[in-house]
Structure formats: structure tokens, C-alpha cells
Amino acid sequence: MAEDSSKRIKEFWAELPRADEDFLGSIRDWKNVHTAIDDEVVWMKGFTDEQAVSSEIQQLPNFLLYELRDGLLFRKDALVPSKKMRTALLWSPIDKALRLSFPASNQNFFGIHEKIKVQIKPSGEEQAAFALLSSISEIKEMITALPKFKLDQIEWILIDEQALFLGTPLLSFPGKTYWEKDGHLLPAGFDFEFKNLSSLLQKKYNKELDQWLLWKEDGSYTAVSKNNFRKLSVSSFRLTEKSKEWN
């Protein structure tokens, strides 16, 4: 009886030129994937069906994905194999094999060859809001009407003519919400393009862990000292408003 191909477990392999290996930072947290080096090629295997069609894979330059069948490597939907399976390779988990580091200069880039810019991109994952950035002019009448128990769990700081509130539950004010990741404050609905690099960014820009890194969608950030936050109260807000003389 012929084998039912619909029930066959697919095994995916892939190759990428070593010159482009820095781009693998986007999938470095896929611990099921293993890599091996063969001359000027990085070989990979162990992708799940979902990973094989993911946007992370599709965005990798010069990335070739194969399906392994009977020792032969086939491109997607191909009837003829492209090459034989490579043998005698030394495999390692991708998160162990890749050693990403920051360059000595140019703070907008990371990676050995400075090819990849730190970017923020939309994320399909929903995260709990932890911070709120509101315009003082929009909320100054609202905050004085709130009961004390709603303010007790909130800390805040003034950034130009905006107030940054931290704590849960957040106040129901108009403004921009953020979620917390490894000491970063990221816009709601967004994440780093290379998700696993958040801790490395902290080591680069916030070694003492004494700041919040407040990120914008364009990849820029503002470092906010944690020591400058204070408990929110109507009196502290009024004093700050008076000192700044907002209209």
C-alpha cells in the first residue's frame, strides 16, 4: 500500500549564506531549531510547520527552505530535489550557536557587522498595559476629581508637558499605553523586531538597571530615571502643575 503523504511528518531544513547570519537574530529564540556550519553556509533544521511559513522566515534575505524526503532536499512544492542532505555536520541549538554582540560604537545598531537596526514592529501578542503617557493639558481637570484609592498604586514623573504613569490598574485617562518587558516600556501592540534582544539592550544602555527605557515606534527611546518617580497624589500633581504654569 502506498504511503499517505498527507500523514507524513515533514522535516524542514534551510540554508543561509554565512555573510547573512546576523539576520538570524530574529529567530534566535526558536530553541527547537539547530544550526551547523558548512564552509560559507549556515545550515538549519528542526523547524515546525508554523515556523516554516512564518513572517520571520519570509523576511530573511537569501534564506532557502527545504523539505527533507528520503535523504534529499526539495524546495517548496518542487517535484525534483535540489540537492542531497548534508552529512557529517556538527549541530547546535540556534540560541547557543549564535553569539550576538554590540559594536563598540553606533548606538542604533547591534551585531558583529552592524547590519541590523534596532526596530520596533507590530506584534500579534496582547500584553497587559503597565504605563500610560498622557498630556497634562488633557488630564489636569480629571486627575483632581479622582478618589485617593485610585491614585495610591500609581507612580508618576513629568516628561516635558506629559505625565508618565506606572502601576496597575492604570488610570482611565486619554493617552498612550505601554507594556513592560525586561525593564523596557514598549508601546502597546508593539515589540522589538528581534524579541530575544531586550536583555542585551538593557546591558548596553542601562547597565545599572536604574532607568526605564521608554520606546517609540520609530526605534528611538528615552531613558527615565526610576529614582525620579514619586507617588501620585492630587497635591503632588497640583504643585507640579503650578510650577510649570500650564494653561
Protein backbone atom coordinates (compact mmCIF):
# COMPACT_ATOMS: atom_id res chain seq x y z
CA MET A 1 0.00 0.00 0.00
CA ALA A 2 1.33 3.44 -0.92
CA GLU A 3 2.22 5.82 1.89
CA ASP A 4 -0.33 8.54 2.63
CA SER A 5 1.76 11.70 2.10
CA SER A 6 -0.79 13.82 3.99
CA LYS A 7 0.10 11.94 7.20
CA ARG A 8 3.88 12.13 6.74
CA ILE A 9 5.65 14.27 9.31
CA LYS A 10 7.54 16.93 7.43
CA GLU A 11 11.13 17.68 8.29
CA PHE A 12 12.39 21.09 7.22
CA TRP A 13 15.95 22.11 6.53
CA ALA A 14 17.25 25.50 5.47
CA GLU A 15 20.43 27.21 4.37
CA LEU A 16 21.68 30.77 4.57
CA PRO A 17 24.99 32.34 3.48
CA ARG A 18 27.28 32.98 6.44
CA ALA A 19 27.54 36.58 5.29
CA ASP A 20 23.87 37.00 6.30
CA GLU A 21 23.95 35.10 9.60
CA ASP A 22 23.41 38.26 11.67
CA PHE A 23 19.82 38.30 10.43
CA LEU A 24 19.17 35.04 12.30
CA GLY A 25 18.76 37.11 15.45
CA SER A 26 15.06 37.28 14.61
CA ILE A 27 14.68 33.52 15.19
CA ARG A 28 17.35 33.01 17.83
CA ASP A 29 14.71 32.22 20.46
CA TRP A 30 13.40 29.23 18.44
CA LYS A 31 15.16 26.73 20.65
CA ASN A 32 13.88 23.74 18.64
CA VAL A 33 15.94 24.86 15.63
CA HIS A 34 19.53 23.57 15.31
CA THR A 35 22.32 25.03 13.19
CA ALA A 36 25.58 23.82 11.68
CA ILE A 37 28.32 25.48 9.63
CA ASP A 38 29.50 24.04 6.32
CA ASP A 39 32.11 26.24 4.61
CA GLU A 40 30.28 29.52 3.83
CA VAL A 41 26.78 28.18 4.55
CA VAL A 42 24.74 28.09 7.75
CA TRP A 43 22.51 25.01 7.78
CA MET A 44 19.39 24.79 9.94
CA LYS A 45 16.89 22.06 10.76
CA GLY A 46 14.04 21.33 13.17
CA PHE A 47 11.50 23.96 12.06
CA THR A 48 7.86 23.35 12.93
CA ASP A 49 5.18 23.66 10.26
CA GLU A 50 4.17 27.06 11.68
CA GLN A 51 7.74 28.35 11.75
CA ALA A 52 8.32 27.24 8.16
CA VAL A 53 5.65 29.66 6.90
CA SER A 54 6.17 32.44 9.44
CA SER A 55 6.84 36.08 8.62
CA GLU A 56 10.18 35.85 10.44
CA ILE A 57 11.34 33.25 7.92
CA GLN A 58 9.98 35.10 4.91
CA GLN A 59 11.89 38.25 5.83
CA LEU A 60 15.30 36.59 6.00
CA PRO A 61 17.46 37.51 2.98
CA ASN A 62 18.92 34.70 0.83
CA PHE A 63 17.16 32.12 3.01
CA LEU A 64 16.38 28.80 1.30
CA LEU A 65 13.90 26.42 2.89
CA TYR A 66 13.78 22.72 2.01
CA GLU A 67 11.71 19.68 2.90
CA LEU A 68 13.75 16.57 3.60
CA ARG A 69 12.45 13.45 1.83
CA ASP A 70 14.40 10.19 1.69
CA GLY A 71 17.73 11.92 2.18
CA LEU A 72 17.03 14.56 -0.48
CA LEU A 73 16.24 18.25 -0.10
CA PHE A 74 13.24 19.63 -2.01
CA ARG A 75 12.25 23.27 -2.35
CA LYS A 76 8.60 24.08 -1.57
CA ASP A 77 6.17 22.31 -3.95
CA ALA A 78 9.08 21.03 -6.06
CA LEU A 79 8.90 17.54 -7.60
CA VAL A 80 12.63 17.35 -8.26
CA PRO A 81 15.17 17.56 -5.41
CA SER A 82 17.61 20.47 -5.28
CA LYS A 83 20.43 18.64 -3.51
CA LYS A 84 21.29 15.79 -1.18
CA MET A 85 21.07 16.07 2.57
CA ARG A 86 24.34 17.27 4.09
CA THR A 87 26.10 14.78 6.36
CA ALA A 88 28.85 14.94 8.99
CA LEU A 89 27.61 18.29 10.29
CA LEU A 90 28.07 19.38 13.91
CA TRP A 91 24.66 20.61 15.11
CA SER A 92 23.97 23.03 17.97
CA PRO A 93 20.80 24.74 19.25
CA ILE A 94 20.45 28.07 17.49
CA ASP A 95 20.36 30.11 20.71
CA LYS A 96 23.69 28.56 21.75
CA ALA A 97 25.33 28.75 18.34
CA LEU A 98 24.65 32.44 17.70
CA ARG A 99 26.83 34.82 19.65
CA LEU A 100 25.36 38.27 19.10
CA SER A 101 27.26 41.25 20.45
CA PHE A 102 27.17 45.03 20.24
CA PRO A 103 29.70 47.05 18.25
CA ALA A 104 31.97 49.49 20.06
CA SER A 105 30.17 52.48 18.52
CA ASN A 106 26.94 53.49 16.78
CA GLN A 107 24.23 53.01 19.38
CA ASN A 108 21.42 52.47 16.87
CA PHE A 109 22.89 49.17 15.69
CA PHE A 110 23.88 45.78 17.06
CA GLY A 111 25.55 42.71 15.64
CA ILE A 112 29.05 41.90 14.53
CA HIS A 113 28.76 43.65 11.17
CA GLU A 114 26.32 46.42 12.28
CA LYS A 115 23.79 45.30 9.68
CA ILE A 116 20.64 45.26 11.78
CA LYS A 117 18.99 48.39 13.12
CA VAL A 118 17.05 48.22 16.38
CA GLN A 119 13.43 48.39 15.28
CA ILE A 120 10.01 48.24 16.87
CA LYS A 121 7.30 46.40 14.94
CA PRO A 122 3.63 45.48 15.47
CA SER A 123 3.13 42.31 17.49
CA GLY A 124 0.22 39.90 17.35
CA GLU A 125 0.54 39.18 21.06
CA GLU A 126 -1.60 41.04 23.59
CA GLN A 127 0.21 42.30 26.69
CA ALA A 128 -1.11 43.87 29.88
CA ALA A 129 -0.69 47.65 29.98
CA PHE A 130 1.74 48.84 32.65
CA ALA A 131 2.37 52.51 31.81
CA LEU A 132 0.43 55.46 30.44
CA LEU A 133 1.76 58.64 28.84
CA SER A 134 -0.77 61.48 28.92
CA SER A 135 -0.77 65.15 28.04
CA ILE A 136 -1.03 67.32 31.15
CA SER A 137 -3.36 69.76 29.42
CA GLU A 138 -5.85 66.93 28.71
CA ILE A 139 -5.95 65.39 32.18
CA LYS A 140 -5.38 68.22 34.66
CA GLU A 141 -9.10 68.62 35.35
CA MET A 142 -9.71 64.86 35.51
CA ILE A 143 -7.00 63.94 37.99
CA THR A 144 -8.15 66.30 40.73
CA ALA A 145 -11.57 64.62 40.72
CA LEU A 146 -10.23 61.07 41.30
CA PRO A 147 -10.59 59.41 44.71
CA LYS A 148 -7.39 58.73 46.66
CA PHE A 149 -7.59 54.93 46.44
CA LYS A 150 -7.24 55.10 42.66
CA LEU A 151 -4.01 57.06 42.99
CA ASP A 152 -2.34 55.05 45.75
CA GLN A 153 -0.88 52.34 43.47
CA ILE A 154 0.41 54.72 40.82
CA GLU A 155 3.81 56.38 40.46
CA TRP A 156 4.46 59.18 38.04
CA ILE A 157 7.02 61.51 36.51
CA LEU A 158 6.88 64.60 34.33
CA ILE A 159 8.38 64.39 30.81
CA ASP A 160 8.19 67.78 29.12
CA GLU A 161 4.44 68.52 29.05
CA GLN A 162 3.39 64.93 29.53
CA ALA A 163 2.91 62.72 32.56
CA LEU A 164 4.15 59.13 32.61
CA PHE A 165 2.15 56.93 34.99
CA LEU A 166 3.29 53.49 36.18
CA GLY A 167 1.28 50.87 38.01
CA THR A 168 -1.84 48.76 37.83
CA PRO A 169 -4.66 49.20 37.42
CA LEU A 170 -3.85 52.12 35.15
CA LEU A 171 -5.89 55.28 35.32
CA SER A 172 -8.58 55.62 32.65
CA PHE A 173 -7.05 58.73 31.12
CA PRO A 174 -6.57 59.53 27.44
CA GLY A 175 -3.04 58.82 26.30
CA LYS A 176 -0.65 56.19 25.02
CA THR A 177 -0.26 52.88 26.85
CA TYR A 178 2.89 50.78 27.22
CA TRP A 179 3.74 47.28 28.42
CA GLU A 180 6.82 46.26 30.35
CA LYS A 181 9.47 43.87 29.03
CA ASP A 182 12.80 43.32 30.81
CA GLY A 183 12.84 46.92 32.01
CA HIS A 184 11.70 48.38 28.69
CA LEU A 185 8.43 50.24 28.23
CA LEU A 186 7.15 49.32 24.77
CA PRO A 187 4.12 50.83 23.00
CA ALA A 188 1.04 48.63 23.35
CA GLY A 189 0.77 46.26 20.39
CA PHE A 190 4.48 46.52 19.53
CA ASP A 191 7.62 44.55 20.29
CA PHE A 192 11.26 44.52 19.27
CA GLU A 193 11.79 43.10 15.80
CA PHE A 194 14.29 40.70 17.41
CA LYS A 195 12.43 39.73 20.56
CA ASN A 196 15.29 37.97 22.31
CA LEU A 197 17.49 41.09 22.34
CA SER A 198 15.65 43.01 25.05
CA SER A 199 18.07 41.87 27.77
CA LEU A 200 21.08 42.71 25.60
CA LEU A 201 19.71 46.20 25.02
CA GLN A 202 19.44 46.64 28.78
CA LYS A 203 23.07 45.62 29.24
CA LYS A 204 24.10 48.12 26.58
CA TYR A 205 22.00 51.14 27.57
CA ASN A 206 21.04 50.52 31.21
CA LYS A 207 23.79 48.57 32.96
CA GLU A 208 22.75 49.68 36.43
CA LEU A 209 19.06 48.87 35.76
CA ASP A 210 18.17 52.19 37.36
CA GLN A 211 16.19 53.53 34.42
CA TRP A 212 13.08 52.76 32.43
CA LEU A 213 13.73 52.76 28.67
CA LEU A 214 10.65 54.32 27.06
CA TRP A 215 10.49 53.36 23.38
CA LYS A 216 8.80 54.95 20.38
CA GLU A 217 7.62 53.11 17.28
CA ASP A 218 10.49 54.63 15.25
CA GLY A 219 13.06 52.77 17.36
CA SER A 220 14.21 55.73 19.46
CA TYR A 221 13.96 55.73 23.24
CA THR A 222 14.02 58.00 26.29
CA ALA A 223 15.81 56.89 29.45
CA VAL A 224 13.81 57.81 32.56
CA SER A 225 15.42 57.52 35.99
CA LYS A 226 13.47 55.25 38.33
CA ASN A 227 14.58 57.37 41.29
CA ASN A 228 12.71 60.39 39.96
CA PHE A 229 9.29 58.73 40.11
CA ARG A 230 7.03 59.70 43.00
CA LYS A 231 3.76 58.53 44.42
CA LEU A 232 0.80 60.07 42.67
CA SER A 233 -1.45 62.34 44.67
CA VAL A 234 -3.65 65.31 43.88
CA SER A 235 -1.37 67.58 45.89
CA SER A 236 1.82 66.49 44.11
CA PHE A 237 0.10 66.94 40.76
CA ARG A 238 -1.17 70.41 41.65
CA LEU A 239 2.28 71.51 42.84
CA THR A 240 3.86 70.32 39.63
CA GLU A 241 1.16 71.95 37.52
CA LYS A 242 1.60 75.23 39.37
CA SER A 243 5.37 75.20 38.98
CA LYS A 244 5.06 74.69 35.23
CA GLU A 245 2.22 77.17 34.82
CA TRP A 246 0.31 75.27 32.18
CA ASN A 247 -2.61 76.98 30.54
